PDB file of N, CA and C in Angstrom:
ATOM      1  N   MET A   1     116.128  99.673  94.872  1.00  0.00           N
ATOM      2  CA  MET A   1     115.464  99.885  96.123  1.00  0.00           C
ATOM      3  C   MET A   1     113.381  99.382  95.849  1.00  0.00           C
ATOM      4  N   ILE A   2     113.025  98.461  96.775  1.00  0.00           N
ATOM      5  CA  ILE A   2     111.620  98.262  96.443  1.00  0.00           C
ATOM      6  C   ILE A   2     110.832  99.718  97.784  1.00  0.00           C
ATOM      7  N   HIS A   3     109.978  99.702  96.659  1.00  0.00           N
ATOM      8  CA  HIS A   3     108.801 100.947  97.251  1.00  0.00           C
ATOM      9  C   HIS A   3     107.740 100.066  97.949  1.00  0.00           C
ATOM     10  N   TYR A   4     107.661 100.740  99.425  1.00  0.00           N
ATOM     11  CA  TYR A   4     105.999  99.872 100.066  1.00  0.00           C
ATOM     12  C   TYR A   4     105.006 100.830  99.917  1.00  0.00           C
ATOM     13  N   THR A   5     103.736 100.650 100.150  1.00  0.00           N
ATOM     14  CA  THR A   5     102.434 101.556 100.526  1.00  0.00           C
ATOM     15  C   THR A   5     101.749 100.769 101.148  1.00  0.00           C
ATOM     16  N   CYS A   6     101.315 101.565 102.008  1.00  0.00           N
ATOM     17  CA  CYS A   6     100.490 100.736 102.876  1.00  0.00           C
ATOM     18  C   CYS A   6      98.657 100.422 102.138  1.00  0.00           C
ATOM     19  N   ASP A   7      98.464  99.079 101.994  1.00  0.00           N
ATOM     20  CA  ASP A   7      97.469  98.929 101.625  1.00  0.00           C
ATOM     21  C   ASP A   7      95.821  99.179 102.397  1.00  0.00           C
ATOM     22  N   CYS A   8      96.102  99.746 103.491  1.00  0.00           N
ATOM     23  CA  CYS A   8      94.818 100.398 103.951  1.00  0.00           C
ATOM     24  C   CYS A   8      94.895 101.648 103.856  1.00  0.00           C
ATOM     25  N   CYS A   9      96.068 102.828 103.754  1.00  0.00           N
ATOM     26  CA  CYS A   9      95.417 104.427 103.879  1.00  0.00           C
ATOM     27  C   CYS A   9      96.114 104.787 102.627  1.00  0.00           C
ATOM     28  N   GLN A  10      96.766 103.929 102.046  1.00  0.00           N
ATOM     29  CA  GLN A  10      97.971 104.669 100.641  1.00  0.00           C
ATOM     30  C   GLN A  10      98.987 105.216 100.842  1.00  0.00           C
ATOM     31  N   GLN A  11      99.182 105.612 102.100  1.00  0.00           N
ATOM     32  CA  GLN A  11     100.596 106.183 102.620  1.00  0.00           C
ATOM     33  C   GLN A  11     101.949 105.066 102.100  1.00  0.00           C
ATOM     34  N   ARG A  12     103.419 106.013 101.843  1.00  0.00           N
ATOM     35  CA  ARG A  12     104.376 105.509 101.566  1.00  0.00           C
ATOM     36  C   ARG A  12     105.090 104.912 102.582  1.00  0.00           C
ATOM     37  N   ILE A  13     105.470 103.990 102.595  1.00  0.00           N
ATOM     38  CA  ILE A  13     106.226 103.379 103.716  1.00  0.00           C
ATOM     39  C   ILE A  13     107.429 103.184 103.300  1.00  0.00           C
ATOM     40  N   ASP A  14     108.673 104.179 103.757  1.00  0.00           N
ATOM     41  CA  ASP A  14     109.967 103.843 103.741  1.00  0.00           C
ATOM     42  C   ASP A  14     110.656 102.812 104.611  1.00  0.00           C
ATOM     43  N   ALA A  15     111.245 102.095 103.432  1.00  0.00           N
ATOM     44  CA  ALA A  15     111.483 100.830 104.318  1.00  0.00           C
ATOM     45  C   ALA A  15     112.852 101.203 105.515  1.00  0.00           C
ATOM     46  N   GLU A  16     113.641 102.268 104.871  1.00  0.00           N
ATOM     47  CA  GLU A  16     114.631 102.473 105.825  1.00  0.00           C
ATOM     48  C   GLU A  16     114.392 103.171 107.123  1.00  0.00           C
ATOM     49  N   ILE A  17     113.370 104.243 107.191  1.00  0.00           N
ATOM     50  CA  ILE A  17     113.048 104.726 108.311  1.00  0.00           C
ATOM     51  C   ILE A  17     111.470 103.999 109.204  1.00  0.00           C
ATOM     52  N   ASP A  18     110.941 103.944 108.188  1.00  0.00           N
ATOM     53  CA  ASP A  18     109.249 103.162 108.689  1.00  0.00           C
ATOM     54  C   ASP A  18     109.539 101.529 108.634  1.00  0.00           C
ATOM     55  N   LEU A  19     108.598 101.451 109.923  1.00  0.00           N
ATOM     56  CA  LEU A  19     108.614 100.140 110.344  1.00  0.00           C
ATOM     57  C   LEU A  19     107.268  99.619 109.113  1.00  0.00           C
ATOM     58  N   ARG A  20     107.373  98.286 108.592  1.00  0.00           N
ATOM     59  CA  ARG A  20     106.143  98.216 107.724  1.00  0.00           C
ATOM     60  C   ARG A  20     105.792  96.920 108.439  1.00  0.00           C
ATOM     61  N   TYR A  21     104.462  95.943 108.363  1.00  0.00           N
ATOM     62  CA  TYR A  21     103.923  95.191 109.043  1.00  0.00           C
ATOM     63  C   TYR A  21     103.204  94.678 107.776  1.00  0.00           C
ATOM     64  N   VAL A  22     103.222  92.998 108.061  1.00  0.00           N
ATOM     65  CA  VAL A  22     103.009  92.427 106.791  1.00  0.00           C
ATOM     66  C   VAL A  22     101.884  91.397 107.378  1.00  0.00           C
ATOM     67  N   VAL A  23     100.419  91.631 106.802  1.00  0.00           N
ATOM     68  CA  VAL A  23      99.280  90.954 107.692  1.00  0.00           C
ATOM     69  C   VAL A  23      99.343  89.817 106.484  1.00  0.00           C
ATOM     70  N   ARG A  24      99.095  88.628 106.831  1.00  0.00           N
ATOM     71  CA  ARG A  24      98.927  87.384 105.583  1.00  0.00           C
ATOM     72  C   ARG A  24      97.332  86.779 106.207  1.00  0.00           C
ATOM     73  N   MET A  25      96.396  86.667 105.308  1.00  0.00           N
ATOM     74  CA  MET A  25      95.084  85.839 105.927  1.00  0.00           C
ATOM     75  C   MET A  25      94.970  84.837 105.306  1.00  0.00           C
ATOM     76  N   GLU A  26      94.374  83.525 105.559  1.00  0.00           N
ATOM     77  CA  GLU A  26      94.034  82.524 104.932  1.00  0.00           C
ATOM     78  C   GLU A  26      92.653  81.829 105.176  1.00  0.00           C
ATOM     79  N   VAL A  27      91.789  82.176 104.138  1.00  0.00           N
ATOM     80  CA  VAL A  27      90.669  81.713 104.337  1.00  0.00           C
ATOM     81  C   VAL A  27      89.945  80.511 103.590  1.00  0.00           C
ATOM     82  N   TYR A  28      89.537  79.641 104.427  1.00  0.00           N
ATOM     83  CA  TYR A  28      89.126  78.201 103.480  1.00  0.00           C
ATOM     84  C   TYR A  28      88.077  77.712 104.242  1.00  0.00           C
ATOM     85  N   ALA A  29      87.397  76.889 103.409  1.00  0.00           N
ATOM     86  CA  ALA A  29      85.920  76.245 103.443  1.00  0.00           C
ATOM     87  C   ALA A  29      86.098  75.227 104.866  1.00  0.00           C
ATOM     88  N   ALA A  30      85.583  75.182 105.909  1.00  0.00           N
ATOM     89  CA  ALA A  30      85.699  74.203 106.940  1.00  0.00           C
ATOM     90  C   ALA A  30      84.781  72.934 106.503  1.00  0.00           C
ATOM     91  N   LEU A  31      85.317  72.073 106.034  1.00  0.00           N
ATOM     92  CA  LEU A  31      84.754  70.801 105.613  1.00  0.00           C
ATOM     93  C   LEU A  31      84.493  69.749 106.673  1.00  0.00           C
ATOM     94  N   ASP A  32      84.215  70.108 107.800  1.00  0.00           N
ATOM     95  CA  ASP A  32      84.251  69.013 109.129  1.00  0.00           C
ATOM     96  C   ASP A  32      82.423  69.427 109.243  1.00  0.00           C
ATOM     97  N   SER A  33      81.902  69.379 108.306  1.00  0.00           N
ATOM     98  CA  SER A  33      80.539  69.452 109.041  1.00  0.00           C
ATOM     99  C   SER A  33      80.089  67.999 110.149  1.00  0.00           C
ATOM    100  N   ALA A  34      78.924  68.718 110.829  1.00  0.00           N
ATOM    101  CA  ALA A  34      78.350  67.874 111.712  1.00  0.00           C
ATOM    102  C   ALA A  34      77.856  66.714 111.173  1.00  0.00           C
ATOM    103  N   GLU A  35      78.415  65.814 111.635  1.00  0.00           N
ATOM    104  CA  GLU A  35      77.711  64.247 111.471  1.00  0.00           C
ATOM    105  C   GLU A  35      76.036  63.905 111.919  1.00  0.00           C
ATOM    106  N   GLU A  36      75.185  64.135 111.134  1.00  0.00           N
ATOM    107  CA  GLU A  36      73.682  63.782 111.483  1.00  0.00           C
ATOM    108  C   GLU A  36      73.252  62.449 111.262  1.00  0.00           C
ATOM    109  N   GLU A  37      74.012  61.917 110.214  1.00  0.00           N
ATOM    110  CA  GLU A  37      73.728  60.453 109.880  1.00  0.00           C
ATOM    111  C   GLU A  37      75.067  59.677 110.665  1.00  0.00           C
ATOM    112  N   SER A  38      74.726  58.702 110.655  1.00  0.00           N
ATOM    113  CA  SER A  38      75.814  57.887 111.471  1.00  0.00           C
ATOM    114  C   SER A  38      76.523  57.057 109.988  1.00  0.00           C
ATOM    115  N   ASP A  39      77.594  57.214 110.056  1.00  0.00           N
ATOM    116  CA  ASP A  39      78.478  56.372 108.562  1.00  0.00           C
ATOM    117  C   ASP A  39      78.031  55.358 108.120  1.00  0.00           C
ATOM    118  N   ASN A  40      77.422  54.282 108.956  1.00  0.00           N
ATOM    119  CA  ASN A  40      76.625  53.596 108.305  1.00  0.00           C
ATOM    120  C   ASN A  40      75.821  53.611 107.088  1.00  0.00           C
ATOM    121  N   ASP A  41      74.966  54.475 107.826  1.00  0.00           N
ATOM    122  CA  ASP A  41      73.856  54.937 106.937  1.00  0.00           C
ATOM    123  C   ASP A  41      74.150  55.915 105.835  1.00  0.00           C
ATOM    124  N   ARG A  42      75.196  56.530 105.350  1.00  0.00           N
ATOM    125  CA  ARG A  42      75.555  57.293 104.364  1.00  0.00           C
ATOM    126  C   ARG A  42      76.206  56.637 102.805  1.00  0.00           C
ATOM    127  N   ASP A  43      75.772  57.334 101.966  1.00  0.00           N
ATOM    128  CA  ASP A  43      75.713  56.610 100.832  1.00  0.00           C
ATOM    129  C   ASP A  43      77.071  57.393 100.236  1.00  0.00           C
ATOM    130  N   HIS A  44      78.240  57.126 100.362  1.00  0.00           N
ATOM    131  CA  HIS A  44      79.422  57.459 100.196  1.00  0.00           C
ATOM    132  C   HIS A  44      79.710  57.842  98.843  1.00  0.00           C
ATOM    133  N   LEU A  45      79.225  57.135  97.611  1.00  0.00           N
ATOM    134  CA  LEU A  45      79.638  56.951  96.445  1.00  0.00           C
ATOM    135  C   LEU A  45      78.539  57.894  96.225  1.00  0.00           C
ATOM    136  N   GLN A  46      77.255  58.033  96.371  1.00  0.00           N
ATOM    137  CA  GLN A  46      76.190  59.062  95.914  1.00  0.00           C
ATOM    138  C   GLN A  46      76.769  60.701  95.923  1.00  0.00           C
ATOM    139  N   GLU A  47      77.490  60.653  97.276  1.00  0.00           N
ATOM    140  CA  GLU A  47      77.741  62.107  98.109  1.00  0.00           C
ATOM    141  C   GLU A  47      79.233  62.505  97.044  1.00  0.00           C
ATOM    142  N   ILE A  48      80.007  61.495  96.349  1.00  0.00           N
ATOM    143  CA  ILE A  48      81.028  61.920  95.476  1.00  0.00           C
ATOM    144  C   ILE A  48      80.090  61.902  94.373  1.00  0.00           C
ATOM    145  N   GLN A  49      79.421  61.424  93.826  1.00  0.00           N
ATOM    146  CA  GLN A  49      78.716  61.839  92.691  1.00  0.00           C
ATOM    147  C   GLN A  49      78.258  62.838  92.915  1.00  0.00           C
ATOM    148  N   ASP A  50      77.804  63.520  93.582  1.00  0.00           N
ATOM    149  CA  ASP A  50      76.844  64.787  94.200  1.00  0.00           C
ATOM    150  C   ASP A  50      78.138  66.414  93.740  1.00  0.00           C
ATOM    151  N   ILE A  51      79.315  65.836  94.531  1.00  0.00           N
ATOM    152  CA  ILE A  51      80.281  66.663  94.437  1.00  0.00           C
ATOM    153  C   ILE A  51      80.784  66.711  92.978  1.00  0.00           C
ATOM    154  N   LEU A  52      81.297  65.965  92.539  1.00  0.00           N
ATOM    155  CA  LEU A  52      81.980  65.583  90.950  1.00  0.00           C
ATOM    156  C   LEU A  52      80.783  66.594  90.131  1.00  0.00           C
ATOM    157  N   GLU A  53      79.169  66.487  90.296  1.00  0.00           N
ATOM    158  CA  GLU A  53      78.287  67.158  89.531  1.00  0.00           C
ATOM    159  C   GLU A  53      78.483  68.532  89.646  1.00  0.00           C
ATOM    160  N   SER A  54      78.730  68.817  90.848  1.00  0.00           N
ATOM    161  CA  SER A  54      78.748  70.328  91.518  1.00  0.00           C
ATOM    162  C   SER A  54      80.119  70.823  90.563  1.00  0.00           C
ATOM    163  N   LEU A  55      81.227  69.887  90.611  1.00  0.00           N
ATOM    164  CA  LEU A  55      82.343  70.750  90.052  1.00  0.00           C
ATOM    165  C   LEU A  55      82.333  70.983  88.526  1.00  0.00           C
ATOM    166  N   ASP A  56      81.203  69.897  87.778  1.00  0.00           N
ATOM    167  CA  ASP A  56      81.072  69.807  86.215  1.00  0.00           C
ATOM    168  C   ASP A  56      80.083  71.329  86.488  1.00  0.00           C
ATOM    169  N   ASP A  57      79.631  71.871  87.014  1.00  0.00           N
ATOM    170  CA  ASP A  57      78.607  72.738  86.817  1.00  0.00           C
ATOM    171  C   ASP A  57      79.231  74.124  87.252  1.00  0.00           C
ATOM    172  N   ALA A  58      80.103  74.101  88.137  1.00  0.00           N
ATOM    173  CA  ALA A  58      80.878  75.427  88.761  1.00  0.00           C
ATOM    174  C   ALA A  58      81.552  75.918  87.338  1.00  0.00           C
ATOM    175  N   GLN A  59      81.607  77.213  87.433  1.00  0.00           N
ATOM    176  CA  GLN A  59      82.177  78.206  86.557  1.00  0.00           C
ATOM    177  C   GLN A  59      84.189  77.553  87.024  1.00  0.00           C
ATOM    178  N   ASP A  60      84.969  77.949  85.869  1.00  0.00           N
ATOM    179  CA  ASP A  60      86.100  78.167  85.808  1.00  0.00           C
ATOM    180  C   ASP A  60      86.824  78.840  87.331  1.00  0.00           C
ATOM    181  N   GLY A  61      87.455  78.900  87.967  1.00  0.00           N
ATOM    182  CA  GLY A  61      88.131  79.171  88.941  1.00  0.00           C
ATOM    183  C   GLY A  61      86.708  79.605  90.498  1.00  0.00           C
ATOM    184  N   GLN A  62      85.547  79.192  90.394  1.00  0.00           N
ATOM    185  CA  GLN A  62      84.795  79.746  91.312  1.00  0.00           C
ATOM    186  C   GLN A  62      84.978  79.133  92.452  1.00  0.00           C
ATOM    187  N   ILE A  63      84.976  77.627  92.162  1.00  0.00           N
ATOM    188  CA  ILE A  63      85.479  76.832  93.357  1.00  0.00           C
ATOM    189  C   ILE A  63      86.913  76.993  94.356  1.00  0.00           C
ATOM    190  N   ASP A  64      87.608  77.442  93.533  1.00  0.00           N
ATOM    191  CA  ASP A  64      88.835  77.884  94.040  1.00  0.00           C
ATOM    192  C   ASP A  64      88.876  79.328  95.171  1.00  0.00           C
ATOM    193  N   GLU A  65      88.098  79.886  94.364  1.00  0.00           N
ATOM    194  CA  GLU A  65      87.566  81.262  95.575  1.00  0.00           C
ATOM    195  C   GLU A  65      86.896  80.732  96.359  1.00  0.00           C
ATOM    196  N   GLU A  66      85.792  80.291  96.352  1.00  0.00           N
ATOM    197  CA  GLU A  66      85.176  79.430  97.475  1.00  0.00           C
ATOM    198  C   GLU A  66      85.731  78.578  98.578  1.00  0.00           C
ATOM    199  N   VAL A  67      86.717  77.700  97.888  1.00  0.00           N
ATOM    200  CA  VAL A  67      86.991  76.736  98.876  1.00  0.00           C
ATOM    201  C   VAL A  67      88.324  77.364  99.952  1.00  0.00           C
ATOM    202  N   TYR A  68      89.485  78.235  99.125  1.00  0.00           N
ATOM    203  CA  TYR A  68      90.356  78.890  99.365  1.00  0.00           C
ATOM    204  C   TYR A  68      91.068  80.235  99.162  1.00  0.00           C
ATOM    205  N   ARG A  69      91.461  80.914  99.981  1.00  0.00           N
ATOM    206  CA  ARG A  69      92.051  82.018  99.398  1.00  0.00           C
ATOM    207  C   ARG A  69      93.099  82.476 100.518  1.00  0.00           C
ATOM    208  N   ASN A  70      93.971  82.990  99.953  1.00  0.00           N
ATOM    209  CA  ASN A  70      95.565  83.442 100.595  1.00  0.00           C
ATOM    210  C   ASN A  70      95.574  84.979 100.032  1.00  0.00           C
ATOM    211  N   VAL A  71      95.565  85.956 101.135  1.00  0.00           N
ATOM    212  CA  VAL A  71      96.032  87.024 100.646  1.00  0.00           C
ATOM    213  C   VAL A  71      97.084  88.016 101.777  1.00  0.00           C
ATOM    214  N   ARG A  72      97.509  89.096 101.407  1.00  0.00           N
ATOM    215  CA  ARG A  72      98.701  89.609 101.914  1.00  0.00           C
ATOM    216  C   ARG A  72      98.649  90.923 101.550  1.00  0.00           C
ATOM    217  N   PHE A  73      98.909  91.745 102.975  1.00  0.00           N
ATOM    218  CA  PHE A  73      98.787  92.944 103.042  1.00  0.00           C
ATOM    219  C   PHE A  73     100.137  93.839 103.635  1.00  0.00           C
ATOM    220  N   ASP A  74     100.333  94.952 103.096  1.00  0.00           N
ATOM    221  CA  ASP A  74     101.286  95.608 103.793  1.00  0.00           C
ATOM    222  C   ASP A  74     100.858  96.682 104.636  1.00  0.00           C
ATOM    223  N   LEU A  75     101.323  96.984 105.731  1.00  0.00           N
ATOM    224  CA  LEU A  75     100.638  97.788 106.469  1.00  0.00           C
ATOM    225  C   LEU A  75     101.447  99.216 107.371  1.00  0.00           C
ATOM    226  N   CYS A  76     101.113 100.098 107.551  1.00  0.00           N
ATOM    227  CA  CYS A  76     101.735 101.209 108.176  1.00  0.00           C
ATOM    228  C   CYS A  76     102.047 100.983 109.256  1.00  0.00           C
ATOM    229  N   SER A  77     102.386 101.502 110.678  1.00  0.00           N
ATOM    230  CA  SER A  77     102.427 101.450 111.897  1.00  0.00           C
ATOM    231  C   SER A  77     100.550 101.970 112.282  1.00  0.00           C
ATOM    232  N   GLU A  78     100.450 102.708 111.822  1.00  0.00           N
ATOM    233  CA  GLU A  78      98.824 103.364 112.355  1.00  0.00           C
ATOM    234  C   GLU A  78      98.139 102.420 111.957  1.00  0.00           C
ATOM    235  N   CYS A  79      97.727 101.648 110.468  1.00  0.00           N
ATOM    236  CA  CYS A  79      97.090 100.796 110.551  1.00  0.00           C
ATOM    237  C   CYS A  79      97.364  99.657 110.760  1.00  0.00           C
ATOM    238  N   ARG A  80      98.308  99.228 111.365  1.00  0.00           N
ATOM    239  CA  ARG A  80      98.632  97.901 112.035  1.00  0.00           C
ATOM    240  C   ARG A  80      97.871  97.882 113.426  1.00  0.00           C
ATOM    241  N   ASN A  81      98.053  99.284 114.111  1.00  0.00           N
ATOM    242  CA  ASN A  81      97.755  99.517 115.328  1.00  0.00           C
ATOM    243  C   ASN A  81      95.908  99.443 115.399  1.00  0.00           C
ATOM    244  N   ARG A  82      95.342  99.678 114.305  1.00  0.00           N
ATOM    245  CA  ARG A  82      94.152  99.877 114.343  1.00  0.00           C
ATOM    246  C   ARG A  82      93.435  98.654 113.705  1.00  0.00           C
ATOM    247  N   PHE A  83      94.181  97.702 112.866  1.00  0.00           N
ATOM    248  CA  PHE A  83      93.945  96.468 112.426  1.00  0.00           C
ATOM    249  C   PHE A  83      94.071  95.538 113.813  1.00  0.00           C
ATOM    250  N   ILE A  84      94.974  95.687 114.701  1.00  0.00           N
ATOM    251  CA  ILE A  84      95.080  94.683 116.031  1.00  0.00           C
ATOM    252  C   ILE A  84      93.647  94.733 116.727  1.00  0.00           C
ATOM    253  N   LYS A  85      93.428  96.419 117.049  1.00  0.00           N
ATOM    254  CA  LYS A  85      92.409  96.327 117.659  1.00  0.00           C
ATOM    255  C   LYS A  85      91.063  96.084 117.449  1.00  0.00           C
ATOM    256  N   ASN A  86      91.055  96.169 116.016  1.00  0.00           N
ATOM    257  CA  ASN A  86      89.719  95.608 115.793  1.00  0.00           C
ATOM    258  C   ASN A  86      89.703  94.864 114.174  1.00  0.00           C
ATOM    259  N   PRO A  87      90.522  93.379 114.179  1.00  0.00           N
ATOM    260  CA  PRO A  87      90.515  92.920 112.968  1.00  0.00           C
ATOM    261  C   PRO A  87      89.943  92.413 112.317  1.00  0.00           C
ATOM    262  N   LEU A  88      88.514  92.312 112.450  1.00  0.00           N
ATOM    263  CA  LEU A  88      87.262  91.933 111.723  1.00  0.00           C
ATOM    264  C   LEU A  88      86.806  93.244 111.043  1.00  0.00           C
ATOM    265  N   GLY A  89      87.168  94.308 111.557  1.00  0.00           N
ATOM    266  CA  GLY A  89      86.466  95.805 111.164  1.00  0.00           C
ATOM    267  C   GLY A  89      84.669  96.215 111.496  1.00  0.00           C
ATOM    268  N   ARG A  90      84.859  95.646 112.477  1.00  0.00           N
ATOM    269  CA  ARG A  90      83.606  95.668 113.057  1.00  0.00           C
ATOM    270  C   ARG A  90      83.240  97.223 113.906  1.00  0.00           C
ATOM    271  N   ALA A  91      81.886  98.115 113.419  1.00  0.00           N
ATOM    272  CA  ALA A  91      82.141  99.034 113.836  1.00  0.00           C
ATOM    273  C   ALA A  91      82.075  99.109 115.565  1.00  0.00           C
ATOM    274  N   ILE A  92      82.782 100.574 115.754  1.00  0.00           N
ATOM    275  CA  ILE A  92      83.256 100.716 117.257  1.00  0.00           C
ATOM    276  C   ILE A  92      81.633 100.530 118.020  1.00  0.00           C
ATOM    277  N   SER A  93      80.450 100.942 117.146  1.00  0.00           N
ATOM    278  CA  SER A  93      79.146 101.109 118.338  1.00  0.00           C
ATOM    279  C   SER A  93      78.800  99.994 118.715  1.00  0.00           C
ATOM    280  N   GLN A  94      79.149  98.887 117.968  1.00  0.00           N
ATOM    281  CA  GLN A  94      79.018  97.422 117.928  1.00  0.00           C
ATOM    282  C   GLN A  94      79.695  96.849 119.103  1.00  0.00           C
ATOM    283  N   GLN A  95      81.053  97.592 119.071  1.00  0.00           N
ATOM    284  CA  GLN A  95      81.730  96.692 120.008  1.00  0.00           C
ATOM    285  C   GLN A  95      81.671  97.039 121.513  1.00  0.00           C
ATOM    286  N   LEU A  96      80.993  98.395 121.369  1.00  0.00           N
ATOM    287  CA  LEU A  96      80.882  99.247 122.793  1.00  0.00           C
ATOM    288  C   LEU A  96      79.502  98.712 123.536  1.00  0.00           C
ATOM    289  N   ASP A  97      78.804  97.970 122.631  1.00  0.00           N
ATOM    290  CA  ASP A  97      77.367  97.558 122.847  1.00  0.00           C
ATOM    291  C   ASP A  97      76.459  98.556 123.929  1.00  0.00           C
ATOM    292  N   PHE A  98      76.013  99.628 123.223  1.00  0.00           N
ATOM    293  CA  PHE A  98      75.609 100.743 123.696  1.00  0.00           C
ATOM    294  C   PHE A  98      74.107 100.111 123.620  1.00  0.00           C
ATOM    295  N   SER A  99      73.335 100.785 125.015  1.00  0.00           N
ATOM    296  CA  SER A  99      72.008 100.455 125.040  1.00  0.00           C
ATOM    297  C   SER A  99      71.144 100.917 124.101  1.00  0.00           C
ATOM    298  N   GLN A 100      69.737 100.507 123.602  1.00  0.00           N
ATOM    299  CA  GLN A 100      69.147 101.179 122.840  1.00  0.00           C
ATOM    300  C   GLN A 100      68.062 102.021 123.809  1.00  0.00           C
ATOM    301  N   ASN A 101      68.459 103.489 124.169  1.00  0.00           N
ATOM    302  CA  ASN A 101      67.984 104.222 125.124  1.00  0.00           C
ATOM    303  C   ASN A 101      66.653 105.100 124.404  1.00  0.00           C
TER     304      ASN A 101
END
């Protein structure tokens, strides 16, 4: 039998009794930069050369982590509810937008 643990609160999740929720997140670099120059003015060969040079200078694995990351979490019911209400983990006071009296 596979044993599951909530990745947030570390509570054991009994698959036969409790609901287990899976959160999958994919984070990747948005490479759709705003085009300030027209395509006719761009030096595409120079851009490719710059990219290749930056790849040579980067440490192994560094580019992969900076460009793409895929993660998976198991959550219990309580942590799932908290995650749904606040998926980015922002502070509650910021969400309520209290005035600075």
